[in-house]
Amino acid sequence: MEQKDMKQVMEKAEVLIEALPYIQNFNRKIIVVKYGGSAMSNEELQKNVIKDVTLLKLVGFKPIIVHGGGKEISRWVGKVGKEAKFINGLRVTDAETMEIAEMVLSKVNKSLVTMVEELGVKAVGISGKDGGLLQVDKKYSDGQDIGFVGDIKKVDPKILYDLLEKDFLPIVAPIGLDDNFNTYNINADDAACAIAKAVNAEKLAFLTDIEGLYKDINDKSSFISRLTADEADKLIEDGFIGGGMLPKLNNCTQAIRNGVNRVHILDGRIPHCLLLEIFTNEGIGTAIVANEEQLEKMNGNK
């Protein structure tokens, strides 16, 4: 074997050795992956994400995927001659739009199931309607009626536990039912956070369209790779966090305070971002933990 080839082989071995303690520590632990954004609209990135999650499953993790589909829903709403409307970032969802959203999310859901199955792992696609998984109340935006948009009031994780026990990879579409069995669309970030809390997930990973968290979004040197939930709250209080990151970061801190061990904000546009964050010492996104003690431990083990 040539020296160059031997060097490449040794580098691969070093990568595997670096990953070993993380595989040992998180074996049989539940990780919830919220999958959305640009990574869903790019076929190559989509396949990379599914490969990452499938690998996590094969090395002993218990992953659950919660997916969005907002861009695809807007595309189909346009196809039927309707205009997508938003109030405070929330989609106004009348009965017709709700029907389109459920159709599109079901299509996306089964597409992801197919990708996982192609890689040799058994997956089951469900929505929050199945088994009473996601129970909702009608959500309002600053008092305004935005239609069939749900605010999660209860999660019954039994169906997820049953699937995980039978060695399936659950893939969840964010749709739920109210007390009168009306169908509601749910923000996928909210759904992922609520599910992670309900199953006491070890990790919750948000795949987004940004690199992670910045103290100043216009200053790349202000990137924050690791922080506590209290530090995240302080950033919000001091006005450093705004736009779409504000509700996402609030979801992260709520998840931490409800028993989720670590929350990761990752750039889904980077190939294999999930593996790079979980299985390498440096990581590539922002990780949020409960306290300073956990922050110190992350120096040797994310």
Protein backbone atom coordinates (compact mmCIF):
# COMPACT_ATOMS: atom_id res chain seq x y z
CA MET A 1 0.00 0.00 0.00
CA GLU A 2 1.32 3.44 -0.95
CA GLN A 3 2.11 5.94 1.79
CA LYS A 4 -0.68 8.27 0.59
CA ASP A 5 -3.23 5.46 0.72
CA MET A 6 -2.02 4.39 4.16
CA LYS A 7 -2.42 7.96 5.45
CA GLN A 8 -6.02 8.06 4.21
CA VAL A 9 -6.75 4.72 5.88
CA MET A 10 -5.25 5.95 9.18
CA GLU A 11 -7.30 9.17 9.02
CA LYS A 12 -10.45 7.09 8.62
CA ALA A 13 -9.46 5.00 11.62
CA GLU A 14 -8.89 8.15 13.70
CA VAL A 15 -12.38 9.40 12.80
CA LEU A 16 -13.90 6.13 13.96
CA ILE A 17 -11.92 6.20 17.21
CA GLU A 18 -13.01 9.79 17.87
CA ALA A 19 -16.64 8.73 17.41
CA LEU A 20 -16.37 5.73 19.76
CA PRO A 21 -17.02 7.46 23.13
CA TYR A 22 -20.08 9.23 21.73
CA ILE A 23 -21.45 5.95 20.39
CA GLN A 24 -20.88 4.36 23.81
CA ASN A 25 -22.48 7.21 25.78
CA PHE A 26 -25.57 7.58 23.62
CA ASN A 27 -26.22 3.93 22.86
CA ARG A 28 -29.95 3.16 23.20
CA LYS A 29 -30.70 6.84 23.90
CA ILE A 30 -33.48 8.69 22.06
CA ILE A 31 -32.55 11.55 19.74
CA VAL A 32 -35.24 13.69 18.08
CA VAL A 33 -34.28 15.30 14.78
CA LYS A 34 -36.36 18.19 13.49
CA TYR A 35 -35.88 18.15 9.74
CA GLY A 36 -36.87 21.11 7.58
CA GLY A 37 -35.62 24.13 5.72
CA SER A 38 -33.45 24.07 2.59
CA ALA A 39 -32.15 20.59 3.36
CA MET A 40 -35.62 19.29 2.47
CA SER A 41 -35.76 21.00 -0.92
CA ASN A 42 -32.35 19.79 -2.10
CA GLU A 43 -32.38 16.10 -3.07
CA GLU A 44 -28.69 15.51 -2.32
CA LEU A 45 -28.88 17.17 1.10
CA GLN A 46 -32.08 15.26 1.80
CA LYS A 47 -30.34 11.97 1.14
CA ASN A 48 -27.38 13.00 3.32
CA VAL A 49 -29.67 13.78 6.27
CA ILE A 50 -31.44 10.45 5.92
CA LYS A 51 -28.08 8.65 5.71
CA ASP A 52 -26.99 10.42 8.92
CA VAL A 53 -30.13 9.44 10.81
CA THR A 54 -29.98 5.89 9.48
CA LEU A 55 -26.36 5.60 10.64
CA LEU A 56 -27.37 6.83 14.11
CA LYS A 57 -29.97 4.07 14.18
CA LEU A 58 -27.51 1.40 13.08
CA VAL A 59 -24.90 2.31 15.73
CA GLY A 60 -27.42 2.05 18.55
CA PHE A 61 -29.24 5.39 18.84
CA LYS A 62 -33.04 5.54 18.85
CA PRO A 63 -33.78 8.39 16.42
CA ILE A 64 -37.17 9.98 15.78
CA ILE A 65 -37.58 12.32 12.81
CA VAL A 66 -40.10 15.17 12.98
CA HIS A 67 -40.35 16.90 9.61
CA GLY A 68 -41.80 20.08 8.21
CA GLY A 69 -42.86 20.89 4.68
CA GLY A 70 -43.71 24.57 4.64
CA LYS A 71 -42.10 25.42 1.30
CA GLU A 72 -43.77 22.47 -0.40
CA ILE A 73 -47.13 23.42 1.13
CA SER A 74 -46.77 26.98 -0.20
CA ARG A 75 -45.95 25.59 -3.64
CA TRP A 76 -49.10 23.46 -3.72
CA VAL A 77 -51.24 26.28 -2.32
CA GLY A 78 -50.03 28.36 -5.28
CA LYS A 79 -50.81 25.54 -7.70
CA VAL A 80 -54.51 25.65 -6.79
CA GLY A 81 -54.60 29.42 -7.26
CA LYS A 82 -54.47 30.43 -3.60
CA GLU A 83 -52.03 32.87 -2.07
CA ALA A 84 -50.09 31.81 1.03
CA LYS A 85 -50.83 34.19 3.91
CA PHE A 86 -48.84 34.57 7.12
CA ILE A 87 -49.48 36.48 10.34
CA ASN A 88 -46.48 36.93 12.65
CA GLY A 89 -44.70 34.15 10.77
CA LEU A 90 -47.59 31.67 11.15
CA ARG A 91 -49.42 30.32 8.11
CA VAL A 92 -53.11 31.28 7.94
CA THR A 93 -54.71 27.87 7.41
CA ASP A 94 -58.31 27.77 6.23
CA ALA A 95 -60.09 24.45 5.63
CA GLU A 96 -58.86 24.14 2.03
CA THR A 97 -55.27 25.01 2.97
CA MET A 98 -55.43 22.47 5.81
CA GLU A 99 -56.48 19.79 3.32
CA ILE A 100 -53.54 20.72 1.06
CA ALA A 101 -51.12 20.79 4.01
CA GLU A 102 -52.14 17.32 5.17
CA MET A 103 -51.81 15.94 1.63
CA VAL A 104 -48.35 17.47 1.16
CA LEU A 105 -47.04 16.45 4.59
CA SER A 106 -48.26 12.90 4.02
CA LYS A 107 -46.44 12.83 0.66
CA VAL A 108 -43.23 14.16 2.26
CA ASN A 109 -43.59 11.69 5.12
CA LYS A 110 -43.80 8.63 2.90
CA SER A 111 -40.95 9.90 0.73
CA LEU A 112 -38.71 10.00 3.82
CA VAL A 113 -39.88 6.53 4.85
CA THR A 114 -38.89 5.24 1.42
CA MET A 115 -35.41 6.79 1.67
CA VAL A 116 -34.81 5.16 5.05
CA GLU A 117 -36.10 1.79 3.87
CA GLU A 118 -33.77 1.96 0.84
CA LEU A 119 -30.86 2.08 3.29
CA GLY A 120 -31.95 -1.12 5.00
CA VAL A 121 -33.66 0.30 8.09
CA LYS A 122 -37.35 -0.22 8.84
CA ALA A 123 -39.26 3.05 9.20
CA VAL A 124 -42.88 3.91 9.94
CA GLY A 125 -44.42 7.23 8.93
CA ILE A 126 -47.16 8.64 11.14
CA SER A 127 -48.78 11.97 11.87
CA GLY A 128 -49.70 13.40 15.24
CA LYS A 129 -53.22 12.11 14.64
CA ASP A 130 -52.07 8.50 14.94
CA GLY A 131 -52.51 6.99 18.39
CA GLY A 132 -53.49 10.39 19.78
CA LEU A 133 -49.83 11.43 19.60
CA LEU A 134 -50.38 15.21 19.32
CA GLN A 135 -53.46 16.71 20.95
CA VAL A 136 -54.01 20.40 20.31
CA ASP A 137 -56.04 23.49 21.03
CA LYS A 138 -56.70 26.15 18.42
CA LYS A 139 -53.78 28.57 18.25
CA TYR A 140 -54.21 32.34 17.93
CA SER A 141 -51.57 34.86 16.90
CA ASP A 142 -51.79 37.95 19.12
CA GLY A 143 -55.53 37.37 19.35
CA GLN A 144 -55.98 36.93 15.59
CA ASP A 145 -57.73 33.87 14.18
CA ILE A 146 -55.29 32.04 11.87
CA GLY A 147 -57.51 29.06 11.11
CA PHE A 148 -56.58 25.42 11.61
CA VAL A 149 -53.25 25.99 13.36
CA GLY A 150 -52.75 23.91 16.49
CA ASP A 151 -51.15 24.67 19.84
CA ILE A 152 -49.97 21.40 21.41
CA LYS A 153 -51.55 20.76 24.81
CA LYS A 154 -50.69 17.09 25.28
CA VAL A 155 -48.37 14.45 23.81
CA ASP A 156 -49.13 10.75 24.19
CA PRO A 157 -45.83 9.08 23.23
CA LYS A 158 -47.06 5.46 23.51
CA ILE A 159 -47.08 4.91 19.75
CA LEU A 160 -43.47 6.18 19.55
CA TYR A 161 -42.31 3.91 22.36
CA ASP A 162 -44.05 0.96 20.71
CA LEU A 163 -42.33 1.64 17.37
CA LEU A 164 -38.91 2.13 18.98
CA GLU A 165 -39.32 -1.08 20.98
CA LYS A 166 -40.06 -2.98 17.76
CA ASP A 167 -36.90 -1.46 16.22
CA PHE A 168 -38.66 0.91 13.80
CA LEU A 169 -37.53 4.45 13.03
CA PRO A 170 -40.57 6.73 13.54
CA ILE A 171 -41.06 9.63 11.12
CA VAL A 172 -43.65 12.14 12.30
CA ALA A 173 -45.68 14.69 10.31
CA PRO A 174 -46.76 17.68 12.45
CA ILE A 175 -50.54 17.33 12.31
CA GLY A 176 -52.80 16.94 15.34
CA LEU A 177 -56.39 16.69 16.53
CA ASP A 178 -58.41 18.85 18.93
CA ASP A 179 -61.03 17.58 21.39
CA ASN A 180 -63.63 17.57 18.62
CA PHE A 181 -61.31 15.61 16.28
CA ASN A 182 -60.74 18.52 13.92
CA THR A 183 -57.42 18.40 12.06
CA TYR A 184 -54.81 21.09 12.73
CA ASN A 185 -51.45 21.98 11.22
CA ILE A 186 -48.66 22.36 13.82
CA ASN A 187 -45.39 24.24 13.63
CA ALA A 188 -42.77 21.52 13.15
CA ASP A 189 -40.35 23.10 15.66
CA ASP A 190 -43.12 23.06 18.30
CA ALA A 191 -43.94 19.44 17.47
CA ALA A 192 -40.30 18.32 17.71
CA CYS A 193 -39.83 20.13 21.02
CA ALA A 194 -43.02 18.70 22.55
CA ILE A 195 -42.15 15.16 21.40
CA ALA A 196 -38.57 15.44 22.71
CA LYS A 197 -39.89 16.48 26.11
CA ALA A 198 -42.49 13.70 26.17
CA VAL A 199 -39.97 10.93 25.42
CA ASN A 200 -37.19 12.40 27.62
CA ALA A 201 -34.89 12.58 24.62
CA GLU A 202 -31.16 12.67 25.24
CA LYS A 203 -30.75 15.09 22.33
CA LEU A 204 -32.95 17.33 20.20
CA ALA A 205 -31.38 18.50 16.95
CA PHE A 206 -32.85 21.30 14.82
CA LEU A 207 -31.68 21.28 11.19
CA THR A 208 -32.02 24.91 10.06
CA ASP A 209 -30.86 27.30 7.35
CA ILE A 210 -28.23 29.04 9.49
CA GLU A 211 -24.91 27.88 10.95
CA GLY A 212 -26.11 28.16 14.54
CA LEU A 213 -26.48 30.94 17.08
CA TYR A 214 -24.80 34.36 16.81
CA LYS A 215 -24.75 37.10 19.43
CA ASP A 216 -24.75 39.48 16.47
CA ILE A 217 -26.04 37.92 13.24
CA ASN A 218 -24.01 40.45 11.23
CA ASP A 219 -20.75 39.56 13.00
CA LYS A 220 -19.52 36.07 12.11
CA SER A 221 -16.93 36.22 14.91
CA SER A 222 -19.77 36.30 17.47
CA PHE A 223 -20.74 32.69 16.78
CA ILE A 224 -21.70 30.76 19.93
CA SER A 225 -20.83 27.07 19.83
CA ARG A 226 -21.96 26.15 23.35
CA LEU A 227 -24.08 27.83 26.03
CA THR A 228 -26.46 27.10 28.90
CA ALA A 229 -30.22 27.62 28.87
CA ASP A 230 -29.81 30.57 31.28
CA GLU A 231 -27.27 32.18 28.94
CA ALA A 232 -29.71 31.70 26.05
CA ASP A 233 -32.46 33.40 28.07
CA LYS A 234 -30.13 36.31 28.81
CA LEU A 235 -29.42 36.76 25.08
CA ILE A 236 -33.17 36.93 24.46
CA GLU A 237 -33.77 39.37 27.35
CA ASP A 238 -30.97 41.65 26.13
CA GLY A 239 -32.48 41.79 22.64
CA PHE A 240 -29.72 39.95 20.78
CA ILE A 241 -32.10 37.31 19.35
CA GLY A 242 -34.89 38.16 16.93
CA GLY A 243 -36.80 36.99 13.88
CA GLY A 244 -37.34 33.28 13.32
CA MET A 245 -34.57 32.37 15.76
CA LEU A 246 -36.50 33.79 18.73
CA PRO A 247 -39.27 31.15 18.91
CA LYS A 248 -36.73 28.43 18.01
CA LEU A 249 -34.42 29.40 20.89
CA ASN A 250 -37.37 29.59 23.28
CA ASN A 251 -38.29 26.06 22.21
CA CYS A 252 -34.70 24.97 22.90
CA THR A 253 -34.60 26.35 26.44
CA GLN A 254 -38.06 24.93 27.23
CA ALA A 255 -36.90 21.51 26.04
CA ILE A 256 -33.79 21.69 28.26
CA ARG A 257 -35.88 22.64 31.30
CA ASN A 258 -38.27 19.77 30.61
CA GLY A 259 -35.66 17.04 30.73
CA VAL A 260 -33.99 17.03 27.29
CA ASN A 261 -30.27 16.72 27.99
CA ARG A 262 -28.87 18.66 25.01
CA VAL A 263 -30.29 20.68 22.15
CA HIS A 264 -28.35 21.29 18.93
CA ILE A 265 -28.97 23.97 16.29
CA LEU A 266 -27.32 22.87 13.04
CA ASP A 267 -27.01 24.10 9.47
CA GLY A 268 -28.90 21.49 7.45
CA ARG A 269 -27.26 22.80 4.27
CA ILE A 270 -23.91 21.33 5.37
CA PRO A 271 -23.59 17.70 4.26
CA HIS A 272 -23.62 15.29 7.22
CA CYS A 273 -23.96 18.12 9.76
CA LEU A 274 -25.64 15.76 12.20
CA LEU A 275 -22.72 13.33 12.27
CA LEU A 276 -20.16 16.15 12.47
CA GLU A 277 -21.90 17.65 15.51
CA ILE A 278 -22.57 14.42 17.39
CA PHE A 279 -19.46 12.36 16.63
CA THR A 280 -16.60 14.90 16.59
CA ASN A 281 -14.94 16.77 19.45
CA GLU A 282 -15.29 20.20 17.84
CA GLY A 283 -18.82 19.96 16.43
CA ILE A 284 -20.11 22.48 13.91
CA GLY A 285 -23.31 24.00 15.31
CA THR A 286 -24.60 25.46 18.56
CA ALA A 287 -25.22 23.17 21.53
CA ILE A 288 -27.42 24.21 24.48
CA VAL A 289 -27.24 22.46 27.87
CA ALA A 290 -28.84 22.88 31.28
CA ASN A 291 -25.99 24.26 33.38
CA GLU A 292 -22.30 25.16 33.68
CA GLU A 293 -21.37 21.67 34.89
CA GLN A 294 -22.71 20.11 31.70
CA LEU A 295 -20.99 22.81 29.69
CA GLU A 296 -17.65 21.82 31.20
CA LYS A 297 -18.31 18.14 30.51
CA MET A 298 -18.87 18.96 26.86
CA ASN A 299 -15.18 19.76 26.51
CA GLY A 300 -14.64 16.01 26.46
CA ASN A 301 -18.07 14.72 25.52
CA LYS A 302 -20.87 16.51 23.74
